[in-house]
Amino acid sequence: MFGELVKAGRYLGQSVRLMVGLPEYDTYVSHREATHPGEPMMSYEEFFRERQEARYGGAGKRGGCC
């Protein structure tokens, strides 16, 4: 029972982060280590910035304002 509750909490947390657009850096790191060992990996800051730009576009895509 407790294990199921913990698992449900993880899924809920992941769902909320995805709904609000927060990137999942741990998932990225696990994927890179498993499928691209030895290749460069973005820092958390680089990853976060890249995900924000992918979702919202860079400043140039919005006309340079706000």
PDB file of N, CA and C in Angstrom:
ATOM      1  N   MET A   1       0.821  -1.199   0.000  1.00  0.00           N
ATOM      2  CA  MET A   1       0.000   0.000   0.000  1.00  0.00           C
ATOM      3  C   MET A   1       0.866   1.264   0.000  1.00  0.00           C
ATOM      4  N   PHE A   2       1.860   1.333   0.896  1.00  0.00           N
ATOM      5  CA  PHE A   2       2.717   2.515   0.962  1.00  0.00           C
ATOM      6  C   PHE A   2       3.474   2.705  -0.343  1.00  0.00           C
ATOM      7  N   GLY A   3       3.974   1.602  -0.920  1.00  0.00           N
ATOM      8  CA  GLY A   3       4.702   1.677  -2.188  1.00  0.00           C
ATOM      9  C   GLY A   3       3.843   2.232  -3.306  1.00  0.00           C
ATOM     10  N   GLU A   4       2.578   1.825  -3.320  1.00  0.00           N
ATOM     11  CA  GLU A   4       1.653   2.337  -4.341  1.00  0.00           C
ATOM     12  C   GLU A   4       1.397   3.820  -4.157  1.00  0.00           C
ATOM     13  N   LEU A   5       1.332   4.253  -2.916  1.00  0.00           N
ATOM     14  CA  LEU A   5       1.115   5.671  -2.625  1.00  0.00           C
ATOM     15  C   LEU A   5       2.311   6.509  -3.069  1.00  0.00           C
ATOM     16  N   VAL A   6       3.516   6.015  -2.813  1.00  0.00           N
ATOM     17  CA  VAL A   6       4.730   6.714  -3.233  1.00  0.00           C
ATOM     18  C   VAL A   6       4.780   6.800  -4.754  1.00  0.00           C
ATOM     19  N   LYS A   7       4.461   5.694  -5.417  1.00  0.00           N
ATOM     20  CA  LYS A   7       4.460   5.660  -6.884  1.00  0.00           C
ATOM     21  C   LYS A   7       3.431   6.650  -7.448  1.00  0.00           C
ATOM     22  N   ALA A   8       2.259   6.682  -6.848  1.00  0.00           N
ATOM     23  CA  ALA A   8       1.220   7.616  -7.298  1.00  0.00           C
ATOM     24  C   ALA A   8       1.681   9.062  -7.102  1.00  0.00           C
ATOM     25  N   GLY A   9       2.364   9.317  -5.988  1.00  0.00           N
ATOM     26  CA  GLY A   9       2.878  10.668  -5.733  1.00  0.00           C
ATOM     27  C   GLY A   9       3.897  11.085  -6.772  1.00  0.00           C
ATOM     28  N   ARG A  10       4.761  10.158  -7.182  1.00  0.00           N
ATOM     29  CA  ARG A  10       5.752  10.470  -8.220  1.00  0.00           C
ATOM     30  C   ARG A  10       5.066  10.806  -9.538  1.00  0.00           C
ATOM     31  N   TYR A  11       4.085   9.992  -9.914  1.00  0.00           N
ATOM     32  CA  TYR A  11       3.362  10.252 -11.164  1.00  0.00           C
ATOM     33  C   TYR A  11       2.629  11.587 -11.113  1.00  0.00           C
ATOM     34  N   LEU A  12       2.029  11.885  -9.968  1.00  0.00           N
ATOM     35  CA  LEU A  12       1.321  13.155  -9.819  1.00  0.00           C
ATOM     36  C   LEU A  12       2.295  14.327  -9.943  1.00  0.00           C
ATOM     37  N   GLY A  13       3.443  14.224  -9.272  1.00  0.00           N
ATOM     38  CA  GLY A  13       4.448  15.288  -9.356  1.00  0.00           C
ATOM     39  C   GLY A  13       4.942  15.488 -10.772  1.00  0.00           C
ATOM     40  N   GLN A  14       5.206  14.380 -11.461  1.00  0.00           N
ATOM     41  CA  GLN A  14       5.665  14.477 -12.850  1.00  0.00           C
ATOM     42  C   GLN A  14       4.589  15.106 -13.726  1.00  0.00           C
ATOM     43  N   SER A  15       3.342  14.712 -13.522  1.00  0.00           N
ATOM     44  CA  SER A  15       2.241  15.267 -14.323  1.00  0.00           C
ATOM     45  C   SER A  15       2.109  16.767 -14.116  1.00  0.00           C
ATOM     46  N   VAL A  16       2.204  17.203 -12.873  1.00  0.00           N
ATOM     47  CA  VAL A  16       2.091  18.634 -12.575  1.00  0.00           C
ATOM     48  C   VAL A  16       3.234  19.396 -13.231  1.00  0.00           C
ATOM     49  N   ARG A  17       4.475  18.872 -13.127  1.00  0.00           N
ATOM     50  CA  ARG A  17       5.611  19.557 -13.758  1.00  0.00           C
ATOM     51  C   ARG A  17       5.420  19.649 -15.268  1.00  0.00           C
ATOM     52  N   LEU A  18       4.914  18.587 -15.884  1.00  0.00           N
ATOM     53  CA  LEU A  18       4.690  18.630 -17.328  1.00  0.00           C
ATOM     54  C   LEU A  18       3.588  19.616 -17.695  1.00  0.00           C
ATOM     55  N   MET A  19       2.535  19.697 -16.881  1.00  0.00           N
ATOM     56  CA  MET A  19       1.429  20.611 -17.167  1.00  0.00           C
ATOM     57  C   MET A  19       1.871  22.063 -17.117  1.00  0.00           C
ATOM     58  N   VAL A  20       2.761  22.396 -16.194  1.00  0.00           N
ATOM     59  CA  VAL A  20       3.201  23.781 -16.079  1.00  0.00           C
ATOM     60  C   VAL A  20       4.467  24.050 -16.872  1.00  0.00           C
ATOM     61  N   GLY A  21       4.971  23.027 -17.537  1.00  0.00           N
ATOM     62  CA  GLY A  21       6.100  23.224 -18.437  1.00  0.00           C
ATOM     63  C   GLY A  21       7.469  23.144 -17.796  1.00  0.00           C
ATOM     64  N   LEU A  22       7.582  22.619 -16.590  1.00  0.00           N
ATOM     65  CA  LEU A  22       8.898  22.465 -15.970  1.00  0.00           C
ATOM     66  C   LEU A  22       9.583  21.239 -16.556  1.00  0.00           C
ATOM     67  N   PRO A  23      10.775  21.414 -17.041  1.00  0.00           N
ATOM     68  CA  PRO A  23      11.476  20.286 -17.653  1.00  0.00           C
ATOM     69  C   PRO A  23      11.913  19.250 -16.631  1.00  0.00           C
ATOM     70  N   GLU A  24      12.103  18.048 -17.085  1.00  0.00           N
ATOM     71  CA  GLU A  24      12.469  16.915 -16.255  1.00  0.00           C
ATOM     72  C   GLU A  24      13.949  16.599 -16.480  1.00  0.00           C
ATOM     73  N   TYR A  25      14.828  17.305 -15.765  1.00  0.00           N
ATOM     74  CA  TYR A  25      16.261  17.171 -15.967  1.00  0.00           C
ATOM     75  C   TYR A  25      16.756  15.767 -15.628  1.00  0.00           C
ATOM     76  N   ASP A  26      16.241  15.165 -14.568  1.00  0.00           N
ATOM     77  CA  ASP A  26      16.676  13.815 -14.195  1.00  0.00           C
ATOM     78  C   ASP A  26      16.380  12.816 -15.302  1.00  0.00           C
ATOM     79  N   THR A  27      15.250  12.964 -15.971  1.00  0.00           N
ATOM     80  CA  THR A  27      14.898  12.083 -17.084  1.00  0.00           C
ATOM     81  C   THR A  27      15.874  12.291 -18.234  1.00  0.00           C
ATOM     82  N   TYR A  28      16.213  13.533 -18.503  1.00  0.00           N
ATOM     83  CA  TYR A  28      17.189  13.854 -19.550  1.00  0.00           C
ATOM     84  C   TYR A  28      18.540  13.207 -19.252  1.00  0.00           C
ATOM     85  N   VAL A  29      19.009  13.349 -18.002  1.00  0.00           N
ATOM     86  CA  VAL A  29      20.302  12.784 -17.619  1.00  0.00           C
ATOM     87  C   VAL A  29      20.283  11.266 -17.766  1.00  0.00           C
ATOM     88  N   SER A  30      19.234  10.629 -17.292  1.00  0.00           N
ATOM     89  CA  SER A  30      19.125   9.163 -17.406  1.00  0.00           C
ATOM     90  C   SER A  30      19.150   8.728 -18.865  1.00  0.00           C
ATOM     91  N   HIS A  31      18.424   9.436 -19.711  1.00  0.00           N
ATOM     92  CA  HIS A  31      18.396   9.117 -21.137  1.00  0.00           C
ATOM     93  C   HIS A  31      19.777   9.271 -21.764  1.00  0.00           C
ATOM     94  N   ARG A  32      20.446  10.388 -21.472  1.00  0.00           N
ATOM     95  CA  ARG A  32      21.782  10.623 -22.053  1.00  0.00           C
ATOM     96  C   ARG A  32      22.774   9.552 -21.609  1.00  0.00           C
ATOM     97  N   GLU A  33      22.742   9.197 -20.328  1.00  0.00           N
ATOM     98  CA  GLU A  33      23.662   8.181 -19.817  1.00  0.00           C
ATOM     99  C   GLU A  33      23.399   6.811 -20.439  1.00  0.00           C
ATOM    100  N   ALA A  34      22.128   6.489 -20.671  1.00  0.00           N
ATOM    101  CA  ALA A  34      21.764   5.176 -21.206  1.00  0.00           C
ATOM    102  C   ALA A  34      21.990   5.065 -22.709  1.00  0.00           C
ATOM    103  N   THR A  35      21.698   6.124 -23.452  1.00  0.00           N
ATOM    104  CA  THR A  35      21.730   6.031 -24.917  1.00  0.00           C
ATOM    105  C   THR A  35      22.873   6.773 -25.578  1.00  0.00           C
ATOM    106  N   HIS A  36      23.514   7.681 -24.854  1.00  0.00           N
ATOM    107  CA  HIS A  36      24.609   8.469 -25.428  1.00  0.00           C
ATOM    108  C   HIS A  36      25.779   8.557 -24.455  1.00  0.00           C
ATOM    109  N   PRO A  37      26.271   7.412 -23.959  1.00  0.00           N
ATOM    110  CA  PRO A  37      27.354   7.462 -22.966  1.00  0.00           C
ATOM    111  C   PRO A  37      28.616   8.114 -23.539  1.00  0.00           C
ATOM    112  N   GLY A  38      29.264   8.903 -22.726  1.00  0.00           N
ATOM    113  CA  GLY A  38      30.506   9.541 -23.136  1.00  0.00           C
ATOM    114  C   GLY A  38      30.336  10.819 -23.930  1.00  0.00           C
ATOM    115  N   GLU A  39      29.113  11.132 -24.326  1.00  0.00           N
ATOM    116  CA  GLU A  39      28.871  12.373 -25.070  1.00  0.00           C
ATOM    117  C   GLU A  39      28.612  13.514 -24.092  1.00  0.00           C
ATOM    118  N   PRO A  40      28.852  14.747 -24.518  1.00  0.00           N
ATOM    119  CA  PRO A  40      28.614  15.897 -23.627  1.00  0.00           C
ATOM    120  C   PRO A  40      27.148  15.978 -23.190  1.00  0.00           C
ATOM    121  N   MET A  41      26.945  16.500 -21.983  1.00  0.00           N
ATOM    122  CA  MET A  41      25.603  16.635 -21.431  1.00  0.00           C
ATOM    123  C   MET A  41      25.419  18.074 -20.978  1.00  0.00           C
ATOM    124  N   MET A  42      24.243  18.625 -21.202  1.00  0.00           N
ATOM    125  CA  MET A  42      23.953  19.996 -20.777  1.00  0.00           C
ATOM    126  C   MET A  42      23.889  20.068 -19.252  1.00  0.00           C
ATOM    127  N   SER A  43      24.310  21.197 -18.722  1.00  0.00           N
ATOM    128  CA  SER A  43      24.114  21.457 -17.291  1.00  0.00           C
ATOM    129  C   SER A  43      22.617  21.698 -17.081  1.00  0.00           C
ATOM    130  N   TYR A  44      22.197  21.738 -15.817  1.00  0.00           N
ATOM    131  CA  TYR A  44      20.784  22.002 -15.544  1.00  0.00           C
ATOM    132  C   TYR A  44      20.369  23.345 -16.129  1.00  0.00           C
ATOM    133  N   GLU A  45      21.222  24.350 -15.965  1.00  0.00           N
ATOM    134  CA  GLU A  45      20.894  25.685 -16.467  1.00  0.00           C
ATOM    135  C   GLU A  45      20.758  25.689 -17.981  1.00  0.00           C
ATOM    136  N   GLU A  46      21.666  25.012 -18.681  1.00  0.00           N
ATOM    137  CA  GLU A  46      21.584  24.924 -20.146  1.00  0.00           C
ATOM    138  C   GLU A  46      20.326  24.185 -20.578  1.00  0.00           C
ATOM    139  N   PHE A  47      20.041  23.089 -19.889  1.00  0.00           N
ATOM    140  CA  PHE A  47      18.855  22.291 -20.202  1.00  0.00           C
ATOM    141  C   PHE A  47      17.584  23.111 -20.002  1.00  0.00           C
ATOM    142  N   PHE A  48      17.498  23.796 -18.865  1.00  0.00           N
ATOM    143  CA  PHE A  48      16.317  24.598 -18.563  1.00  0.00           C
ATOM    144  C   PHE A  48      16.113  25.683 -19.600  1.00  0.00           C
ATOM    145  N   ARG A  49      17.201  26.382 -19.954  1.00  0.00           N
ATOM    146  CA  ARG A  49      17.127  27.450 -20.955  1.00  0.00           C
ATOM    147  C   ARG A  49      16.693  26.894 -22.321  1.00  0.00           C
ATOM    148  N   GLU A  50      17.265  25.744 -22.702  1.00  0.00           N
ATOM    149  CA  GLU A  50      16.921  25.124 -23.990  1.00  0.00           C
ATOM    150  C   GLU A  50      15.451  24.734 -24.027  1.00  0.00           C
ATOM    151  N   ARG A  51      14.945  24.172 -22.920  1.00  0.00           N
ATOM    152  CA  ARG A  51      13.538  23.768 -22.856  1.00  0.00           C
ATOM    153  C   ARG A  51      12.619  24.984 -22.898  1.00  0.00           C
ATOM    154  N   GLN A  52      12.994  26.068 -22.226  1.00  0.00           N
ATOM    155  CA  GLN A  52      12.176  27.286 -22.271  1.00  0.00           C
ATOM    156  C   GLN A  52      12.120  27.847 -23.685  1.00  0.00           C
ATOM    157  N   GLU A  53      13.266  27.882 -24.356  1.00  0.00           N
ATOM    158  CA  GLU A  53      13.295  28.395 -25.723  1.00  0.00           C
ATOM    159  C   GLU A  53      12.491  27.501 -26.659  1.00  0.00           C
ATOM    160  N   ALA A  54      12.561  26.182 -26.452  1.00  0.00           N
ATOM    161  CA  ALA A  54      11.792  25.266 -27.293  1.00  0.00           C
ATOM    162  C   ALA A  54      10.294  25.463 -27.082  1.00  0.00           C
ATOM    163  N   ARG A  55       9.906  25.747 -25.855  1.00  0.00           N
ATOM    164  CA  ARG A  55       8.483  25.905 -25.562  1.00  0.00           C
ATOM    165  C   ARG A  55       7.950  27.284 -25.949  1.00  0.00           C
ATOM    166  N   TYR A  56       8.700  28.336 -25.601  1.00  0.00           N
ATOM    167  CA  TYR A  56       8.201  29.689 -25.785  1.00  0.00           C
ATOM    168  C   TYR A  56       8.849  30.464 -26.911  1.00  0.00           C
ATOM    169  N   GLY A  57       9.941  29.948 -27.451  1.00  0.00           N
ATOM    170  CA  GLY A  57      10.654  30.649 -28.510  1.00  0.00           C
ATOM    171  C   GLY A  57      11.614  31.686 -27.936  1.00  0.00           C
ATOM    172  N   GLY A  58      12.612  32.025 -28.724  1.00  0.00           N
ATOM    173  CA  GLY A  58      13.578  33.026 -28.284  1.00  0.00           C
ATOM    174  C   GLY A  58      13.009  34.427 -28.383  1.00  0.00           C
ATOM    175  N   ALA A  59      13.746  35.418 -27.931  1.00  0.00           N
ATOM    176  CA  ALA A  59      13.283  36.811 -27.956  1.00  0.00           C
ATOM    177  C   ALA A  59      12.998  37.273 -29.373  1.00  0.00           C
ATOM    178  N   GLY A  60      13.801  36.829 -30.338  1.00  0.00           N
ATOM    179  CA  GLY A  60      13.609  37.231 -31.724  1.00  0.00           C
ATOM    180  C   GLY A  60      12.308  36.725 -32.316  1.00  0.00           C
ATOM    181  N   LYS A  61      11.785  35.643 -31.812  1.00  0.00           N
ATOM    182  CA  LYS A  61      10.539  35.075 -32.327  1.00  0.00           C
ATOM    183  C   LYS A  61       9.309  35.813 -31.835  1.00  0.00           C
ATOM    184  N   ARG A  62       9.466  36.654 -30.827  1.00  0.00           N
ATOM    185  CA  ARG A  62       8.333  37.379 -30.284  1.00  0.00           C
ATOM    186  C   ARG A  62       8.400  38.866 -30.618  1.00  0.00           C
ATOM    187  N   GLY A  63       9.258  39.211 -31.505  1.00  0.00           N
ATOM    188  CA  GLY A  63       9.341  40.612 -31.889  1.00  0.00           C
ATOM    189  C   GLY A  63      10.258  41.418 -30.994  1.00  0.00           C
ATOM    190  N   GLY A  64      10.975  40.753 -30.055  1.00  0.00           N
ATOM    191  CA  GLY A  64      11.943  41.442 -29.225  1.00  0.00           C
ATOM    192  C   GLY A  64      11.354  42.163 -28.027  1.00  0.00           C
ATOM    193  N   CYS A  65      10.064  42.062 -27.812  1.00  0.00           N
ATOM    194  CA  CYS A  65       9.452  42.732 -26.665  1.00  0.00           C
ATOM    195  C   CYS A  65       8.868  41.696 -25.723  1.00  0.00           C
ATOM    196  N   CYS A  66       9.217  41.808 -24.452  1.00  0.00           N
ATOM    197  CA  CYS A  66       8.651  40.943 -23.393  1.00  0.00           C
ATOM    198  C   CYS A  66       8.874  39.488 -23.733  1.00  0.00           C
TER     199      CYS A  66
END
